[in-house]
Amino acid sequence: MAHSAPIDDVQRELIDETARLGPVSGMQIAPEQGAFLTILARALGVRRAVEVGTFTGYSSLSIARGLAEGGTLLCCDVSEEWTAIARRAWDRAGVADRITLRLAPAVETLRALPSEPHLDLAFVDADKGAYRDYAEELIPRLRPGGLLLVDNVLWSGRVLDEADSGEDTKHIRAFNDWLVTDPRVECVLLPVADGLTMAVRR
């Protein structure tokens, strides 16, 4: 952390406001993951991005800051309460004009997107049981060389605990096993924060 990009006042305020929500604040991505998203989006020259699972907006803020000039980010969520916090952070950071928020089931929002490959980047951090559904909608819409990023794939190490039979744990294990065999993508699972899979569209 000491050798990664430091957080600024907007990010600190967002972290603090999210922490006041209580245990649910654990859904927020880690600061080093946010820095990674910004740098990755910038390095790739991302112009069209999608996020599934916005929560209070740290990841969307991070992606939006890395977008190329004229780039846009579509955020999918179902919570007006949590995304209201995100909207305030986007405004403070001056990136609100790059972000469109859709409050609806994400699969419906994704299915309404153009079917041809056009996305540069997609980030998934939502309900674990639907990870494959989201990936199935996103992968065909990624351009060749486009990236699918999936969070929480280590699940605090529980994916390796054979005694853990929790539903989310089982869903993530199944997703990890499926994605790595999908011929449409090439994957690497990185030990960033709670585990981040990067899958590039062939």
N, C-alpha and C. Protein backbone atom coordinates (compact mmCIF):
# COMPACT_ATOMS: atom_id res chain seq x y z
N MET A 1 0.83 -1.20 0.00
CA MET A 1 0.00 0.00 0.00
C MET A 1 0.87 1.25 0.00
N ALA A 2 1.98 1.22 0.73
CA ALA A 2 2.86 2.38 0.80
C ALA A 2 3.51 2.68 -0.55
N HIS A 3 3.53 1.71 -1.43
CA HIS A 3 4.15 1.88 -2.73
C HIS A 3 3.14 1.84 -3.86
N SER A 4 1.89 2.13 -3.53
CA SER A 4 0.82 2.25 -4.53
C SER A 4 0.30 3.68 -4.51
N ALA A 5 -0.48 4.02 -5.53
CA ALA A 5 -1.03 5.38 -5.61
C ALA A 5 -1.85 5.69 -4.36
N PRO A 6 -1.59 6.82 -3.71
CA PRO A 6 -2.33 7.16 -2.50
C PRO A 6 -3.77 7.56 -2.83
N ILE A 7 -4.66 7.37 -1.87
CA ILE A 7 -6.05 7.80 -2.08
C ILE A 7 -6.15 9.29 -1.85
N ASP A 8 -7.15 9.91 -2.47
CA ASP A 8 -7.35 11.35 -2.31
C ASP A 8 -8.53 11.63 -1.38
N ASP A 9 -8.89 12.89 -1.23
CA ASP A 9 -9.94 13.27 -0.29
C ASP A 9 -11.29 12.66 -0.66
N VAL A 10 -11.61 12.62 -1.95
CA VAL A 10 -12.89 12.04 -2.37
C VAL A 10 -12.95 10.57 -2.00
N GLN A 11 -11.90 9.85 -2.27
CA GLN A 11 -11.87 8.43 -1.94
C GLN A 11 -11.94 8.20 -0.44
N ARG A 12 -11.21 9.01 0.32
CA ARG A 12 -11.23 8.87 1.78
C ARG A 12 -12.63 9.13 2.32
N GLU A 13 -13.29 10.17 1.84
CA GLU A 13 -14.65 10.47 2.28
C GLU A 13 -15.60 9.33 1.93
N LEU A 14 -15.41 8.75 0.76
CA LEU A 14 -16.27 7.65 0.33
C LEU A 14 -16.03 6.41 1.19
N ILE A 15 -14.80 6.12 1.50
CA ILE A 15 -14.48 5.00 2.39
C ILE A 15 -15.12 5.20 3.76
N ASP A 16 -15.00 6.42 4.28
CA ASP A 16 -15.54 6.70 5.60
C ASP A 16 -17.07 6.63 5.61
N GLU A 17 -17.71 7.18 4.58
CA GLU A 17 -19.17 7.15 4.52
C GLU A 17 -19.67 5.72 4.38
N THR A 18 -18.97 4.92 3.59
CA THR A 18 -19.36 3.52 3.42
C THR A 18 -19.17 2.75 4.71
N ALA A 19 -18.11 3.02 5.44
CA ALA A 19 -17.85 2.33 6.70
C ALA A 19 -18.98 2.55 7.70
N ARG A 20 -19.62 3.71 7.63
CA ARG A 20 -20.71 4.00 8.55
C ARG A 20 -21.96 3.18 8.27
N LEU A 21 -21.99 2.46 7.15
CA LEU A 21 -23.12 1.58 6.85
C LEU A 21 -23.09 0.30 7.68
N GLY A 22 -21.94 0.01 8.31
CA GLY A 22 -21.82 -1.19 9.13
C GLY A 22 -21.17 -2.33 8.36
N PRO A 23 -21.49 -3.58 8.75
CA PRO A 23 -20.82 -4.74 8.16
C PRO A 23 -20.92 -4.83 6.65
N VAL A 24 -21.98 -4.29 6.08
CA VAL A 24 -22.15 -4.35 4.62
C VAL A 24 -21.03 -3.59 3.91
N SER A 25 -20.33 -2.72 4.62
CA SER A 25 -19.25 -1.95 4.01
C SER A 25 -18.14 -2.84 3.48
N GLY A 26 -18.11 -4.10 3.94
CA GLY A 26 -17.13 -5.05 3.44
C GLY A 26 -17.25 -5.33 1.95
N MET A 27 -18.36 -4.92 1.35
CA MET A 27 -18.52 -5.12 -0.10
C MET A 27 -17.71 -4.12 -0.91
N GLN A 28 -17.20 -3.07 -0.28
CA GLN A 28 -16.41 -2.09 -1.01
C GLN A 28 -15.06 -2.68 -1.40
N ILE A 29 -14.61 -2.37 -2.61
CA ILE A 29 -13.32 -2.88 -3.04
C ILE A 29 -12.20 -2.21 -2.23
N ALA A 30 -11.03 -2.84 -2.22
CA ALA A 30 -9.88 -2.31 -1.49
C ALA A 30 -9.25 -1.15 -2.27
N PRO A 31 -8.62 -0.21 -1.56
CA PRO A 31 -7.99 0.93 -2.25
C PRO A 31 -6.98 0.52 -3.31
N GLU A 32 -6.17 -0.53 -3.03
CA GLU A 32 -5.19 -0.94 -4.03
C GLU A 32 -5.86 -1.51 -5.27
N GLN A 33 -7.05 -2.10 -5.09
CA GLN A 33 -7.79 -2.59 -6.24
C GLN A 33 -8.33 -1.43 -7.07
N GLY A 34 -8.74 -0.38 -6.38
CA GLY A 34 -9.19 0.81 -7.10
C GLY A 34 -8.08 1.41 -7.93
N ALA A 35 -6.89 1.49 -7.34
CA ALA A 35 -5.74 2.03 -8.09
C ALA A 35 -5.45 1.16 -9.30
N PHE A 36 -5.56 -0.15 -9.14
CA PHE A 36 -5.32 -1.08 -10.24
C PHE A 36 -6.34 -0.85 -11.37
N LEU A 37 -7.61 -0.68 -11.01
CA LEU A 37 -8.64 -0.46 -12.02
C LEU A 37 -8.39 0.83 -12.80
N THR A 38 -8.00 1.89 -12.10
CA THR A 38 -7.73 3.15 -12.78
C THR A 38 -6.57 3.01 -13.76
N ILE A 39 -5.49 2.43 -13.29
CA ILE A 39 -4.31 2.28 -14.13
C ILE A 39 -4.58 1.36 -15.32
N LEU A 40 -5.32 0.28 -15.08
CA LEU A 40 -5.63 -0.65 -16.15
C LEU A 40 -6.50 0.01 -17.21
N ALA A 41 -7.53 0.72 -16.78
CA ALA A 41 -8.41 1.40 -17.75
C ALA A 41 -7.62 2.42 -18.56
N ARG A 42 -6.74 3.14 -17.88
CA ARG A 42 -5.94 4.15 -18.58
C ARG A 42 -4.97 3.50 -19.56
N ALA A 43 -4.32 2.43 -19.14
CA ALA A 43 -3.34 1.76 -20.00
C ALA A 43 -3.99 1.17 -21.25
N LEU A 44 -5.22 0.70 -21.09
CA LEU A 44 -5.93 0.08 -22.21
C LEU A 44 -6.64 1.10 -23.09
N GLY A 45 -6.68 2.36 -22.66
CA GLY A 45 -7.42 3.36 -23.42
C GLY A 45 -8.90 3.06 -23.48
N VAL A 46 -9.46 2.61 -22.37
CA VAL A 46 -10.86 2.16 -22.34
C VAL A 46 -11.82 3.31 -22.66
N ARG A 47 -12.72 3.04 -23.61
CA ARG A 47 -13.74 4.02 -23.99
C ARG A 47 -15.15 3.53 -23.63
N ARG A 48 -15.34 2.22 -23.63
CA ARG A 48 -16.67 1.67 -23.31
C ARG A 48 -16.51 0.61 -22.23
N ALA A 49 -17.06 0.91 -21.07
CA ALA A 49 -16.92 0.01 -19.93
C ALA A 49 -18.28 -0.24 -19.28
N VAL A 50 -18.38 -1.40 -18.64
CA VAL A 50 -19.60 -1.78 -17.91
C VAL A 50 -19.19 -2.30 -16.55
N GLU A 51 -19.97 -1.93 -15.54
CA GLU A 51 -19.77 -2.46 -14.20
C GLU A 51 -21.06 -3.11 -13.72
N VAL A 52 -20.95 -4.32 -13.19
CA VAL A 52 -22.09 -5.01 -12.60
C VAL A 52 -21.88 -5.07 -11.09
N GLY A 53 -22.67 -4.32 -10.36
CA GLY A 53 -22.52 -4.23 -8.92
C GLY A 53 -21.76 -2.98 -8.54
N THR A 54 -22.48 -1.90 -8.29
CA THR A 54 -21.85 -0.60 -8.06
C THR A 54 -21.67 -0.29 -6.57
N PHE A 55 -22.60 -0.73 -5.74
CA PHE A 55 -22.58 -0.47 -4.31
C PHE A 55 -22.45 1.04 -4.07
N THR A 56 -21.46 1.50 -3.33
CA THR A 56 -21.33 2.93 -3.04
C THR A 56 -20.36 3.66 -3.97
N GLY A 57 -19.88 2.96 -4.97
CA GLY A 57 -19.22 3.65 -6.06
C GLY A 57 -17.71 3.73 -6.11
N TYR A 58 -17.00 3.02 -5.24
CA TYR A 58 -15.54 3.14 -5.27
C TYR A 58 -14.96 2.57 -6.56
N SER A 59 -15.45 1.42 -7.00
CA SER A 59 -14.91 0.82 -8.22
C SER A 59 -15.29 1.63 -9.45
N SER A 60 -16.52 2.12 -9.50
CA SER A 60 -16.93 2.91 -10.66
C SER A 60 -16.15 4.22 -10.72
N LEU A 61 -15.93 4.85 -9.58
CA LEU A 61 -15.10 6.05 -9.52
C LEU A 61 -13.71 5.75 -10.06
N SER A 62 -13.16 4.61 -9.67
CA SER A 62 -11.81 4.23 -10.10
C SER A 62 -11.74 4.00 -11.60
N ILE A 63 -12.72 3.27 -12.13
CA ILE A 63 -12.74 3.00 -13.57
C ILE A 63 -12.93 4.29 -14.35
N ALA A 64 -13.89 5.12 -13.91
CA ALA A 64 -14.20 6.36 -14.63
C ALA A 64 -12.99 7.27 -14.72
N ARG A 65 -12.19 7.30 -13.67
CA ARG A 65 -11.01 8.15 -13.67
C ARG A 65 -9.96 7.69 -14.69
N GLY A 66 -10.01 6.42 -15.08
CA GLY A 66 -9.05 5.91 -16.04
C GLY A 66 -9.53 5.89 -17.47
N LEU A 67 -10.78 6.28 -17.71
CA LEU A 67 -11.33 6.23 -19.07
C LEU A 67 -10.60 7.19 -20.01
N ALA A 68 -10.52 6.79 -21.27
CA ALA A 68 -9.99 7.69 -22.30
C ALA A 68 -10.96 8.84 -22.50
N GLU A 69 -10.50 9.90 -23.12
CA GLU A 69 -11.36 11.06 -23.37
C GLU A 69 -12.59 10.62 -24.17
N GLY A 70 -13.76 11.01 -23.68
CA GLY A 70 -15.00 10.62 -24.33
C GLY A 70 -15.51 9.25 -23.91
N GLY A 71 -14.77 8.58 -23.04
CA GLY A 71 -15.17 7.25 -22.59
C GLY A 71 -16.37 7.28 -21.66
N THR A 72 -17.09 6.16 -21.63
CA THR A 72 -18.30 6.07 -20.80
C THR A 72 -18.30 4.77 -20.01
N LEU A 73 -18.94 4.81 -18.86
CA LEU A 73 -19.10 3.66 -17.98
C LEU A 73 -20.57 3.47 -17.68
N LEU A 74 -21.09 2.28 -17.94
CA LEU A 74 -22.46 1.92 -17.59
C LEU A 74 -22.43 1.12 -16.31
N CYS A 75 -23.12 1.59 -15.27
CA CYS A 75 -23.17 0.91 -13.99
C CYS A 75 -24.52 0.23 -13.79
N CYS A 76 -24.49 -1.02 -13.35
CA CYS A 76 -25.70 -1.80 -13.12
C CYS A 76 -25.84 -2.11 -11.64
N ASP A 77 -26.96 -1.73 -11.05
CA ASP A 77 -27.21 -2.02 -9.64
C ASP A 77 -28.71 -2.00 -9.42
N VAL A 78 -29.12 -2.39 -8.22
CA VAL A 78 -30.55 -2.40 -7.89
C VAL A 78 -30.86 -1.55 -6.65
N SER A 79 -29.85 -0.98 -6.02
CA SER A 79 -30.05 -0.24 -4.76
C SER A 79 -29.99 1.26 -4.98
N GLU A 80 -31.10 1.93 -4.79
CA GLU A 80 -31.13 3.39 -4.84
C GLU A 80 -30.36 3.98 -3.66
N GLU A 81 -30.47 3.34 -2.49
CA GLU A 81 -29.81 3.84 -1.28
C GLU A 81 -28.29 3.86 -1.43
N TRP A 82 -27.72 2.74 -1.82
CA TRP A 82 -26.26 2.66 -1.93
C TRP A 82 -25.73 3.49 -3.08
N THR A 83 -26.41 3.46 -4.22
CA THR A 83 -25.90 4.21 -5.37
C THR A 83 -26.09 5.72 -5.21
N ALA A 84 -26.94 6.15 -4.29
CA ALA A 84 -27.04 7.58 -4.00
C ALA A 84 -25.71 8.07 -3.42
N ILE A 85 -25.08 7.24 -2.61
CA ILE A 85 -23.74 7.57 -2.10
C ILE A 85 -22.75 7.64 -3.25
N ALA A 86 -22.85 6.68 -4.16
CA ALA A 86 -21.97 6.67 -5.33
C ALA A 86 -22.13 7.94 -6.15
N ARG A 87 -23.36 8.34 -6.39
CA ARG A 87 -23.61 9.54 -7.21
C ARG A 87 -22.93 10.77 -6.60
N ARG A 88 -23.00 10.91 -5.29
CA ARG A 88 -22.37 12.06 -4.64
C ARG A 88 -20.86 12.02 -4.83
N ALA A 89 -20.28 10.83 -4.73
CA ALA A 89 -18.83 10.71 -4.92
C ALA A 89 -18.45 11.02 -6.37
N TRP A 90 -19.23 10.54 -7.32
CA TRP A 90 -18.95 10.84 -8.72
C TRP A 90 -18.97 12.35 -8.97
N ASP A 91 -19.96 13.02 -8.37
CA ASP A 91 -20.06 14.47 -8.54
C ASP A 91 -18.83 15.16 -7.95
N ARG A 92 -18.45 14.77 -6.74
CA ARG A 92 -17.30 15.40 -6.09
C ARG A 92 -16.02 15.19 -6.89
N ALA A 93 -15.92 14.02 -7.52
CA ALA A 93 -14.71 13.69 -8.28
C ALA A 93 -14.73 14.24 -9.70
N GLY A 94 -15.86 14.80 -10.13
CA GLY A 94 -15.96 15.35 -11.47
C GLY A 94 -16.04 14.33 -12.58
N VAL A 95 -16.56 13.12 -12.26
CA VAL A 95 -16.66 12.07 -13.29
C VAL A 95 -18.11 11.68 -13.59
N ALA A 96 -19.06 12.37 -12.99
CA ALA A 96 -20.47 11.98 -13.15
C ALA A 96 -20.92 12.00 -14.61
N ASP A 97 -20.33 12.88 -15.41
CA ASP A 97 -20.72 12.98 -16.81
C ASP A 97 -20.26 11.78 -17.64
N ARG A 98 -19.39 10.94 -17.07
CA ARG A 98 -18.90 9.76 -17.79
C ARG A 98 -19.68 8.50 -17.43
N ILE A 99 -20.56 8.61 -16.44
CA ILE A 99 -21.20 7.42 -15.88
C ILE A 99 -22.71 7.46 -16.08
N THR A 100 -23.25 6.33 -16.52
CA THR A 100 -24.70 6.13 -16.60
C THR A 100 -25.06 5.01 -15.65
N LEU A 101 -26.03 5.25 -14.77
CA LEU A 101 -26.46 4.25 -13.80
C LEU A 101 -27.81 3.69 -14.21
N ARG A 102 -27.91 2.37 -14.24
CA ARG A 102 -29.18 1.69 -14.51
C ARG A 102 -29.58 0.92 -13.27
N LEU A 103 -30.70 1.32 -12.67
CA LEU A 103 -31.22 0.61 -11.51
C LEU A 103 -32.24 -0.42 -11.98
N ALA A 104 -31.77 -1.64 -12.16
CA ALA A 104 -32.59 -2.74 -12.67
C ALA A 104 -31.77 -4.01 -12.54
N PRO A 105 -32.40 -5.18 -12.60
CA PRO A 105 -31.61 -6.41 -12.62
C PRO A 105 -30.56 -6.35 -13.72
N ALA A 106 -29.32 -6.64 -13.36
CA ALA A 106 -28.22 -6.43 -14.30
C ALA A 106 -28.34 -7.27 -15.57
N VAL A 107 -28.84 -8.49 -15.45
CA VAL A 107 -28.96 -9.34 -16.64
C VAL A 107 -29.88 -8.67 -17.67
N GLU A 108 -30.94 -8.03 -17.19
CA GLU A 108 -31.84 -7.33 -18.11
C GLU A 108 -31.12 -6.17 -18.79
N THR A 109 -30.35 -5.41 -18.01
CA THR A 109 -29.60 -4.29 -18.58
C THR A 109 -28.59 -4.77 -19.60
N LEU A 110 -27.88 -5.84 -19.29
CA LEU A 110 -26.86 -6.37 -20.20
C LEU A 110 -27.48 -6.90 -21.48
N ARG A 111 -28.60 -7.58 -21.36
CA ARG A 111 -29.25 -8.13 -22.55
C ARG A 111 -29.78 -7.05 -23.48
N ALA A 112 -29.99 -5.85 -22.95
CA ALA A 112 -30.47 -4.75 -23.77
C ALA A 112 -29.34 -4.04 -24.52
N LEU A 113 -28.09 -4.38 -24.21
CA LEU A 113 -26.96 -3.78 -24.90
C LEU A 113 -26.84 -4.34 -26.31
N PRO A 114 -26.19 -3.61 -27.21
CA PRO A 114 -25.94 -4.16 -28.54
C PRO A 114 -25.22 -5.50 -28.43
N SER A 115 -25.58 -6.43 -29.28
CA SER A 115 -25.04 -7.79 -29.17
C SER A 115 -23.65 -7.94 -29.76
N GLU A 116 -23.23 -7.00 -30.62
CA GLU A 116 -21.93 -7.13 -31.25
C GLU A 116 -20.81 -6.78 -30.26
N PRO A 117 -19.59 -7.27 -30.51
CA PRO A 117 -18.47 -6.96 -29.63
C PRO A 117 -18.14 -5.47 -29.67
N HIS A 118 -18.29 -4.80 -28.54
CA HIS A 118 -18.03 -3.36 -28.51
C HIS A 118 -17.46 -2.87 -27.18
N LEU A 119 -17.43 -3.72 -26.16
CA LEU A 119 -16.97 -3.29 -24.85
C LEU A 119 -15.46 -3.49 -24.72
N ASP A 120 -14.80 -2.53 -24.09
CA ASP A 120 -13.37 -2.63 -23.82
C ASP A 120 -13.09 -3.27 -22.47
N LEU A 121 -13.98 -3.04 -21.50
CA LEU A 121 -13.75 -3.49 -20.13
C LEU A 121 -15.07 -3.74 -19.44
N ALA A 122 -15.12 -4.84 -18.67
CA ALA A 122 -16.29 -5.14 -17.85
C ALA A 122 -15.81 -5.59 -16.48
N PHE A 123 -16.41 -5.06 -15.44
CA PHE A 123 -16.05 -5.40 -14.06
C PHE A 123 -17.28 -5.96 -13.36
N VAL A 124 -17.14 -7.16 -12.79
CA VAL A 124 -18.26 -7.83 -12.12
C VAL A 124 -17.95 -7.99 -10.64
N ASP A 125 -18.82 -7.44 -9.81
CA ASP A 125 -18.68 -7.55 -8.36
C ASP A 125 -20.09 -7.46 -7.77
N ALA A 126 -20.84 -8.55 -7.91
CA ALA A 126 -22.25 -8.53 -7.52
C ALA A 126 -22.62 -9.87 -6.90
N ASP A 127 -23.88 -10.26 -7.00
CA ASP A 127 -24.35 -11.51 -6.40
C ASP A 127 -23.64 -12.69 -7.03
N LYS A 128 -23.04 -13.51 -6.18
CA LYS A 128 -22.13 -14.54 -6.65
C LYS A 128 -22.84 -15.63 -7.46
N GLY A 129 -24.09 -15.91 -7.12
CA GLY A 129 -24.81 -16.95 -7.84
C GLY A 129 -25.09 -16.60 -9.29
N ALA A 130 -24.96 -15.32 -9.64
CA ALA A 130 -25.24 -14.90 -11.02
C ALA A 130 -23.97 -14.57 -11.80
N TYR A 131 -22.80 -14.86 -11.23
CA TYR A 131 -21.55 -14.52 -11.92
C TYR A 131 -21.50 -15.10 -13.33
N ARG A 132 -21.86 -16.37 -13.47
CA ARG A 132 -21.79 -16.96 -14.81
C ARG A 132 -22.79 -16.30 -15.75
N ASP A 133 -23.98 -15.99 -15.24
CA ASP A 133 -24.98 -15.32 -16.09
C ASP A 133 -24.43 -14.00 -16.61
N TYR A 134 -23.80 -13.24 -15.73
CA TYR A 134 -23.24 -11.95 -16.16
C TYR A 134 -22.13 -12.17 -17.19
N ALA A 135 -21.26 -13.12 -16.92
CA ALA A 135 -20.16 -13.38 -17.86
C ALA A 135 -20.68 -13.84 -19.22
N GLU A 136 -21.73 -14.64 -19.21
CA GLU A 136 -22.29 -15.13 -20.48
C GLU A 136 -22.86 -13.98 -21.31
N GLU A 137 -23.35 -12.94 -20.66
CA GLU A 137 -23.84 -11.77 -21.39
C GLU A 137 -22.71 -10.86 -21.82
N LEU A 138 -21.68 -10.77 -21.01
CA LEU A 138 -20.61 -9.81 -21.27
C LEU A 138 -19.56 -10.31 -22.27
N ILE A 139 -19.18 -11.57 -22.18
CA ILE A 139 -18.09 -12.06 -23.03
C ILE A 139 -18.37 -11.85 -24.52
N PRO A 140 -19.56 -12.18 -25.03
CA PRO A 140 -19.79 -11.94 -26.46
C PRO A 140 -19.76 -10.47 -26.85
N ARG A 141 -19.95 -9.59 -25.87
CA ARG A 141 -19.99 -8.15 -26.15
C ARG A 141 -18.62 -7.49 -25.97
N LEU A 142 -17.62 -8.24 -25.51
CA LEU A 142 -16.26 -7.71 -25.41
C LEU A 142 -15.60 -7.76 -26.78
N ARG A 143 -14.89 -6.70 -27.12
CA ARG A 143 -14.12 -6.72 -28.35
C ARG A 143 -12.94 -7.68 -28.18
N PRO A 144 -12.37 -8.19 -29.25
CA PRO A 144 -11.15 -8.99 -29.10
C PRO A 144 -10.08 -8.18 -28.37
N GLY A 145 -9.52 -8.75 -27.33
CA GLY A 145 -8.58 -8.03 -26.49
C GLY A 145 -9.23 -7.30 -25.34
N GLY A 146 -10.56 -7.26 -25.31
CA GLY A 146 -11.28 -6.64 -24.21
C GLY A 146 -11.17 -7.48 -22.95
N LEU A 147 -11.32 -6.83 -21.79
CA LEU A 147 -11.11 -7.51 -20.52
C LEU A 147 -12.39 -7.66 -19.71
N LEU A 148 -12.56 -8.86 -19.16
CA LEU A 148 -13.56 -9.13 -18.13
C LEU A 148 -12.82 -9.26 -16.81
N LEU A 149 -13.20 -8.47 -15.82
CA LEU A 149 -12.61 -8.52 -14.49
C LEU A 149 -13.68 -8.98 -13.50
N VAL A 150 -13.34 -9.96 -12.69
CA VAL A 150 -14.32 -10.54 -11.76
C VAL A 150 -13.73 -10.54 -10.35
N ASP A 151 -14.45 -9.92 -9.41
CA ASP A 151 -13.95 -9.76 -8.05
C ASP A 151 -14.36 -10.91 -7.14
N ASN A 152 -13.66 -11.02 -6.01
CA ASN A 152 -13.98 -11.96 -4.92
C ASN A 152 -13.79 -13.43 -5.29
N VAL A 153 -12.91 -13.70 -6.23
CA VAL A 153 -12.78 -15.08 -6.70
C VAL A 153 -11.97 -15.96 -5.73
N LEU A 154 -11.35 -15.36 -4.72
CA LEU A 154 -10.70 -16.15 -3.66
C LEU A 154 -11.61 -16.30 -2.44
N TRP A 155 -12.56 -15.34 -2.29
CA TRP A 155 -13.58 -15.44 -1.25
C TRP A 155 -12.96 -15.67 0.13
N SER A 156 -11.99 -14.82 0.44
CA SER A 156 -11.25 -14.90 1.72
C SER A 156 -10.64 -16.27 1.95
N GLY A 157 -10.29 -16.95 0.88
CA GLY A 157 -9.68 -18.27 0.97
C GLY A 157 -10.66 -19.41 1.13
N ARG A 158 -11.94 -19.09 1.22
CA ARG A 158 -12.93 -20.14 1.48
C ARG A 158 -13.11 -21.09 0.30
N VAL A 159 -12.71 -20.64 -0.91
CA VAL A 159 -12.81 -21.53 -2.06
C VAL A 159 -11.91 -22.75 -1.90
N LEU A 160 -10.89 -22.64 -1.04
CA LEU A 160 -9.96 -23.76 -0.81
C LEU A 160 -10.34 -24.60 0.41
N ASP A 161 -11.32 -24.16 1.17
CA ASP A 161 -11.71 -24.85 2.39
C ASP A 161 -12.79 -25.89 2.05
N GLU A 162 -12.38 -27.14 2.01
CA GLU A 162 -13.31 -28.19 1.61
C GLU A 162 -14.47 -28.32 2.58
N ALA A 163 -14.30 -27.84 3.80
CA ALA A 163 -15.38 -27.92 4.79
C ALA A 163 -16.41 -26.81 4.60
N ASP A 164 -16.10 -25.81 3.77
CA ASP A 164 -17.02 -24.70 3.55
C ASP A 164 -18.00 -25.07 2.44
N SER A 165 -19.26 -25.22 2.81
CA SER A 165 -20.29 -25.59 1.83
C SER A 165 -21.31 -24.47 1.66
N GLY A 166 -20.90 -23.24 2.00
CA GLY A 166 -21.80 -22.10 1.83
C GLY A 166 -22.17 -21.90 0.37
N GLU A 167 -23.36 -21.37 0.14
CA GLU A 167 -23.84 -21.22 -1.23
C GLU A 167 -22.93 -20.31 -2.06
N ASP A 168 -22.53 -19.17 -1.51
CA ASP A 168 -21.66 -18.28 -2.27
C ASP A 168 -20.32 -18.94 -2.58
N THR A 169 -19.80 -19.67 -1.61
CA THR A 169 -18.53 -20.37 -1.83
C THR A 169 -18.68 -21.36 -2.99
N LYS A 170 -19.75 -22.11 -2.98
CA LYS A 170 -19.97 -23.09 -4.06
C LYS A 170 -20.14 -22.40 -5.41
N HIS A 171 -20.84 -21.28 -5.41
CA HIS A 171 -21.03 -20.54 -6.67
C HIS A 171 -19.70 -20.05 -7.22
N ILE A 172 -18.86 -19.51 -6.35
CA ILE A 172 -17.58 -18.97 -6.83
C ILE A 172 -16.67 -20.09 -7.30
N ARG A 173 -16.63 -21.19 -6.58
CA ARG A 173 -15.84 -22.34 -7.05
C ARG A 173 -16.28 -22.77 -8.44
N ALA A 174 -17.59 -22.91 -8.61
CA ALA A 174 -18.12 -23.36 -9.90
C ALA A 174 -17.79 -22.35 -11.00
N PHE A 175 -17.91 -21.07 -10.68
CA PHE A 175 -17.59 -20.04 -11.67
C PHE A 175 -16.12 -20.10 -12.06
N ASN A 176 -15.24 -20.19 -11.06
CA ASN A 176 -13.80 -20.26 -11.35
C ASN A 176 -13.47 -21.46 -12.24
N ASP A 177 -14.08 -22.61 -11.92
CA ASP A 177 -13.83 -23.82 -12.70
C ASP A 177 -14.34 -23.68 -14.13
N TRP A 178 -15.46 -22.99 -14.30
CA TRP A 178 -16.05 -22.83 -15.63
C TRP A 178 -15.27 -21.85 -16.48
N LEU A 179 -14.96 -20.67 -15.92
CA LEU A 179 -14.38 -19.61 -16.74
C LEU A 179 -13.02 -20.00 -17.30
N VAL A 180 -12.22 -20.69 -16.51
CA VAL A 180 -10.87 -21.02 -16.96
C VAL A 180 -10.89 -22.01 -18.14
N THR A 181 -12.01 -22.70 -18.34
CA THR A 181 -12.12 -23.64 -19.46
C THR A 181 -12.86 -23.04 -20.66
N ASP A 182 -13.36 -21.81 -20.53
CA ASP A 182 -14.11 -21.20 -21.63
C ASP A 182 -13.16 -20.84 -22.77
N PRO A 183 -13.36 -21.38 -23.96
CA PRO A 183 -12.42 -21.16 -25.05
C PRO A 183 -12.43 -19.73 -25.59
N ARG A 184 -13.41 -18.94 -25.19
CA ARG A 184 -13.50 -17.57 -25.72
C ARG A 184 -12.55 -16.62 -25.02
N VAL A 185 -12.01 -17.03 -23.86
CA VAL A 185 -11.17 -16.12 -23.08
C VAL A 185 -9.90 -16.83 -22.60
N GLU A 186 -8.92 -16.02 -22.23
CA GLU A 186 -7.71 -16.50 -21.57
C GLU A 186 -7.65 -15.81 -20.21
N CYS A 187 -7.45 -16.59 -19.14
CA CYS A 187 -7.62 -16.07 -17.78
C CYS A 187 -6.34 -16.09 -16.96
N VAL A 188 -6.31 -15.17 -16.00
CA VAL A 188 -5.33 -15.23 -14.92
C VAL A 188 -6.05 -14.79 -13.66
N LEU A 189 -5.86 -15.56 -12.58
CA LEU A 189 -6.45 -15.21 -11.28
C LEU A 189 -5.36 -14.57 -10.44
N LEU A 190 -5.56 -13.31 -10.08
CA LEU A 190 -4.56 -12.53 -9.37
C LEU A 190 -4.91 -12.41 -7.89
N PRO A 191 -3.93 -12.52 -7.00
CA PRO A 191 -4.18 -12.36 -5.58
C PRO A 191 -4.20 -10.89 -5.18
N VAL A 192 -5.05 -10.13 -5.83
CA VAL A 192 -5.26 -8.72 -5.50
C VAL A 192 -6.49 -8.63 -4.62
N ALA A 193 -6.34 -8.06 -3.42
CA ALA A 193 -7.46 -7.94 -2.48
C ALA A 193 -8.08 -9.33 -2.25
N ASP A 194 -9.36 -9.50 -2.58
CA ASP A 194 -10.03 -10.78 -2.34
C ASP A 194 -10.01 -11.69 -3.57
N GLY A 195 -9.04 -11.45 -4.45
CA GLY A 195 -8.92 -12.27 -5.65
C GLY A 195 -9.61 -11.60 -6.81
N LEU A 196 -8.88 -11.36 -7.89
CA LEU A 196 -9.43 -10.71 -9.08
C LEU A 196 -9.03 -11.51 -10.30
N THR A 197 -10.01 -12.03 -11.02
CA THR A 197 -9.74 -12.73 -12.27
C THR A 197 -9.78 -11.76 -13.43
N MET A 198 -8.76 -11.83 -14.27
CA MET A 198 -8.73 -11.09 -15.53
C MET A 198 -8.88 -12.10 -16.66
N ALA A 199 -9.86 -11.87 -17.49
CA ALA A 199 -10.08 -12.74 -18.64
C ALA A 199 -10.09 -11.87 -19.90
N VAL A 200 -9.19 -12.14 -20.83
CA VAL A 200 -9.11 -11.37 -22.06
C VAL A 200 -9.84 -12.12 -23.15
N ARG A 201 -10.65 -11.41 -23.91
CA ARG A 201 -11.41 -12.00 -25.02
C ARG A 201 -10.46 -12.32 -26.16
N ARG A 202 -10.50 -13.57 -26.59
CA ARG A 202 -9.63 -13.99 -27.70
C ARG A 202 -10.10 -13.37 -29.01
